[in-house]
Amino acid sequence: WLVDYGAFLKDHRGFAHQTVEGYVAFARRYLSWQFGDREARWADVRSQDIWRYAELCAQDHAPGYAKTRLCALRRFLGFVHLRGACSGQLVRAIPKIPNFRQRYSSGGLTDAQRKKLLRSFDRQTAQGCCEHAEALCMIELGLRNCEVVHLRLQDIDWELGIVRVPVMKTGVARIVPLPATVGDVLRHYIKRFRG
């Protein structure tokens, strides 16, 4: 299970080597707790087992650490479910632990917030126009700020309508579609201030 899981994370999810090692280590802890040295018999695992393991994860640990372990378990059991070895009920049985130290909202911008943010840039200046285009790429394309900063003109394929995102956190390049609205803003910035 661990070898296949690691290969799945690397080859199909594009995770970096160090990230894969971390997820596999969390999966190994769970498997050892659940099955010991025995073969994994997923049909015998019940929601109550998952709750007991979650309680163990939370015991004597900060909420952030417990949350990390349970998120890793959710990812691993999702893989096991994908392979058809366990029911989706086991994945749904994993409790979500709030981390009240975090002060940010997990949700995205509302439509009003998005419009207000994009209107806040002075598009008559080179800097304002550039920052407006960067913000739009993060909002509409889902790019990280470090990915936007490292974008080059050759990363944009205007004809195919795609952006080749530079290799950053995952160690794997990705391709995202370029909506016409974002393309128009990028063209305007390039023509006016980079031309």
Protein backbone atom coordinates (compact mmCIF):
# COMPACT_ATOMS: atom_id res chain seq x y z
CA TRP A 1 0.00 0.00 0.00
CA LEU A 2 2.74 2.45 0.93
CA VAL A 3 4.80 1.93 -2.24
CA ASP A 4 1.72 2.30 -4.44
CA TYR A 5 0.54 5.33 -2.49
CA GLY A 6 3.91 7.04 -2.82
CA ALA A 7 3.97 6.36 -6.56
CA PHE A 8 0.42 7.71 -6.89
CA LEU A 9 1.30 10.95 -5.10
CA LYS A 10 4.43 11.43 -7.19
CA ASP A 11 3.22 10.33 -10.62
CA HIS A 12 -0.45 11.31 -10.57
CA ARG A 13 -0.61 14.18 -8.10
CA GLY A 14 2.76 15.70 -8.97
CA PHE A 15 3.91 16.09 -5.37
CA ALA A 16 7.56 16.83 -4.62
CA HIS A 17 9.68 14.02 -3.15
CA GLN A 18 9.77 15.51 0.37
CA THR A 19 5.98 15.97 0.40
CA VAL A 20 5.46 12.39 -0.73
CA GLU A 21 7.73 11.13 2.06
CA GLY A 22 5.71 13.06 4.64
CA TYR A 23 2.36 11.69 3.47
CA VAL A 24 3.72 8.14 3.28
CA ALA A 25 5.10 8.44 6.83
CA PHE A 26 1.66 9.48 8.14
CA ALA A 27 0.05 6.59 6.24
CA ARG A 28 2.62 4.16 7.71
CA ARG A 29 1.73 5.30 11.26
CA TYR A 30 -1.94 4.75 10.64
CA LEU A 31 -1.45 1.31 9.04
CA SER A 32 0.76 0.24 11.94
CA TRP A 33 -1.86 1.39 14.44
CA GLN A 34 -4.79 -0.18 12.59
CA PHE A 35 -3.31 -3.48 11.45
CA GLY A 36 -0.01 -3.93 13.29
CA ASP A 37 2.12 -6.41 11.32
CA ARG A 38 -0.93 -8.05 9.74
CA GLU A 39 -2.15 -7.66 6.18
CA ALA A 40 -4.50 -4.70 5.66
CA ARG A 41 -8.07 -6.02 5.73
CA TRP A 42 -10.12 -2.95 4.86
CA ALA A 43 -13.46 -4.73 5.14
CA ASP A 44 -12.84 -5.04 8.89
CA VAL A 45 -12.22 -1.31 9.44
CA ARG A 46 -15.16 0.59 10.95
CA SER A 47 -15.90 4.27 11.46
CA GLN A 48 -15.35 3.73 15.18
CA ASP A 49 -11.73 2.73 14.44
CA ILE A 50 -11.22 6.00 12.59
CA TRP A 51 -12.69 7.97 15.51
CA ARG A 52 -10.38 6.21 17.98
CA TYR A 53 -7.38 6.97 15.79
CA ALA A 54 -8.47 10.62 15.52
CA GLU A 55 -8.72 10.80 19.31
CA LEU A 56 -5.19 9.42 19.55
CA CYS A 57 -3.94 12.01 17.04
CA ALA A 58 -5.47 14.83 19.06
CA GLN A 59 -4.26 13.56 22.45
CA ASP A 60 -1.43 15.69 23.88
CA HIS A 61 -0.96 17.57 20.59
CA ALA A 62 -1.76 21.05 19.36
CA PRO A 63 -4.82 21.30 17.09
CA GLY A 64 -2.63 22.13 14.10
CA TYR A 65 -0.64 18.91 14.43
CA ALA A 66 -3.74 16.77 14.84
CA LYS A 67 -5.34 18.49 11.88
CA THR A 68 -2.28 17.75 9.73
CA ARG A 69 -2.33 14.05 10.67
CA LEU A 70 -6.03 13.71 9.98
CA CYS A 71 -5.79 15.55 6.66
CA ALA A 72 -3.01 13.14 5.70
CA LEU A 73 -5.22 10.21 6.75
CA ARG A 74 -8.09 11.61 4.67
CA ARG A 75 -5.82 11.75 1.63
CA PHE A 76 -4.55 8.19 2.20
CA LEU A 77 -8.00 6.69 2.75
CA GLY A 78 -9.17 8.57 -0.34
CA PHE A 79 -6.47 6.68 -2.26
CA VAL A 80 -7.55 3.37 -0.69
CA HIS A 81 -11.15 4.13 -1.66
CA LEU A 82 -10.04 5.05 -5.19
CA ARG A 83 -8.46 1.58 -5.43
CA GLY A 84 -11.81 0.07 -4.40
CA ALA A 85 -10.55 -1.42 -1.13
CA CYS A 86 -12.64 0.60 1.34
CA SER A 87 -15.91 2.49 1.31
CA GLY A 88 -16.19 6.24 1.06
CA GLN A 89 -17.82 6.10 4.48
CA LEU A 90 -14.40 5.63 6.08
CA VAL A 91 -13.11 8.78 4.41
CA ARG A 92 -16.16 10.73 5.58
CA ALA A 93 -15.74 9.39 9.13
CA ILE A 94 -12.51 11.34 9.64
CA PRO A 95 -13.39 14.32 11.85
CA LYS A 96 -12.33 17.82 10.90
CA ILE A 97 -10.46 19.63 13.63
CA PRO A 98 -10.79 23.41 13.80
CA ASN A 99 -7.61 25.35 14.38
CA PHE A 100 -8.70 28.52 16.12
CA ARG A 101 -5.24 30.03 15.95
CA GLN A 102 -5.71 30.59 12.25
CA ARG A 103 -7.15 34.00 11.53
CA TYR A 104 -7.85 33.64 7.82
CA SER A 105 -11.01 32.54 6.10
CA SER A 106 -10.80 29.31 4.12
CA GLY A 107 -13.25 30.66 1.57
CA GLY A 108 -12.40 32.68 -1.52
CA LEU A 109 -13.35 36.22 -2.35
CA THR A 110 -16.98 37.13 -2.80
CA ASP A 111 -17.91 38.65 -6.13
CA ALA A 112 -18.11 42.10 -4.51
CA GLN A 113 -14.67 41.69 -2.89
CA ARG A 114 -13.19 40.50 -6.18
CA LYS A 115 -14.54 43.53 -8.05
CA LYS A 116 -13.38 45.92 -5.32
CA LEU A 117 -9.89 44.42 -5.36
CA LEU A 118 -9.54 44.63 -9.13
CA ARG A 119 -10.85 48.24 -9.17
CA SER A 120 -8.25 49.26 -6.57
CA PHE A 121 -5.35 49.24 -9.06
CA ASP A 122 -4.46 52.38 -11.03
CA ARG A 123 -4.42 50.88 -14.52
CA GLN A 124 -3.11 54.13 -16.01
CA THR A 125 0.36 53.43 -14.56
CA ALA A 126 2.70 50.59 -15.51
CA GLN A 127 2.89 49.33 -11.92
CA GLY A 128 -0.87 49.47 -11.36
CA CYS A 129 -1.60 47.74 -14.66
CA CYS A 130 0.97 45.04 -13.91
CA GLU A 131 -0.41 44.45 -10.40
CA HIS A 132 -3.96 44.31 -11.76
CA ALA A 133 -2.90 41.63 -14.27
CA GLU A 134 -1.09 39.68 -11.51
CA ALA A 135 -4.12 39.78 -9.22
CA LEU A 136 -6.37 38.63 -12.05
CA CYS A 137 -4.06 35.67 -12.76
CA MET A 138 -4.21 34.63 -9.10
CA ILE A 139 -8.00 35.00 -8.92
CA GLU A 140 -9.02 33.55 -12.28
CA LEU A 141 -6.23 31.03 -12.95
CA GLY A 142 -5.67 29.96 -9.34
CA LEU A 143 -1.95 30.71 -9.53
CA ARG A 144 0.19 31.24 -6.45
CA ASN A 145 1.88 34.62 -6.16
CA CYS A 146 5.32 33.01 -6.69
CA GLU A 147 4.04 31.41 -9.91
CA VAL A 148 2.73 34.74 -11.21
CA VAL A 149 6.02 36.49 -10.43
CA HIS A 150 7.95 33.87 -12.42
CA LEU A 151 5.67 33.94 -15.49
CA ARG A 152 7.40 34.90 -18.73
CA LEU A 153 5.91 35.86 -22.09
CA GLN A 154 7.04 32.54 -23.58
CA ASP A 155 4.88 30.72 -20.96
CA ILE A 156 1.74 32.05 -22.66
CA ASP A 157 0.50 30.26 -25.76
CA TRP A 158 -1.95 32.77 -27.24
CA GLU A 159 -2.95 30.50 -30.10
CA LEU A 160 -3.87 27.52 -27.91
CA GLY A 161 -5.20 29.73 -25.11
CA ILE A 162 -3.08 28.16 -22.35
CA VAL A 163 -0.48 29.18 -19.77
CA ARG A 164 2.43 26.90 -18.93
CA VAL A 165 2.90 27.52 -15.22
CA PRO A 166 6.56 27.56 -14.14
CA VAL A 167 7.74 24.67 -11.97
CA MET A 168 7.54 25.79 -8.36
CA LYS A 169 6.26 24.04 -5.22
CA THR A 170 5.25 20.65 -6.63
CA GLY A 171 8.31 20.23 -8.84
CA VAL A 172 5.99 19.52 -11.78
CA ALA A 173 4.98 21.95 -14.51
CA ARG A 174 1.26 22.41 -15.16
CA ILE A 175 -0.84 23.88 -17.90
CA VAL A 176 -3.92 26.00 -17.21
CA PRO A 177 -6.46 27.43 -19.66
CA LEU A 178 -6.26 31.14 -20.43
CA PRO A 179 -9.75 32.68 -20.43
CA ALA A 180 -10.30 35.46 -22.96
CA THR A 181 -10.92 38.00 -20.18
CA VAL A 182 -7.51 37.33 -18.62
CA GLY A 183 -5.84 37.20 -22.02
CA ASP A 184 -7.26 40.63 -22.90
CA VAL A 185 -5.89 42.16 -19.69
CA LEU A 186 -2.46 40.62 -20.29
CA ARG A 187 -2.41 41.82 -23.91
CA HIS A 188 -3.37 45.35 -22.81
CA TYR A 189 -0.52 45.44 -20.26
CA ILE A 190 2.03 44.02 -22.72
CA LYS A 191 1.02 46.32 -25.58
CA ARG A 192 0.87 49.49 -23.49
CA PHE A 193 3.75 49.05 -21.06
CA ARG A 194 5.97 46.24 -22.34
CA GLY A 195 5.68 46.77 -26.09
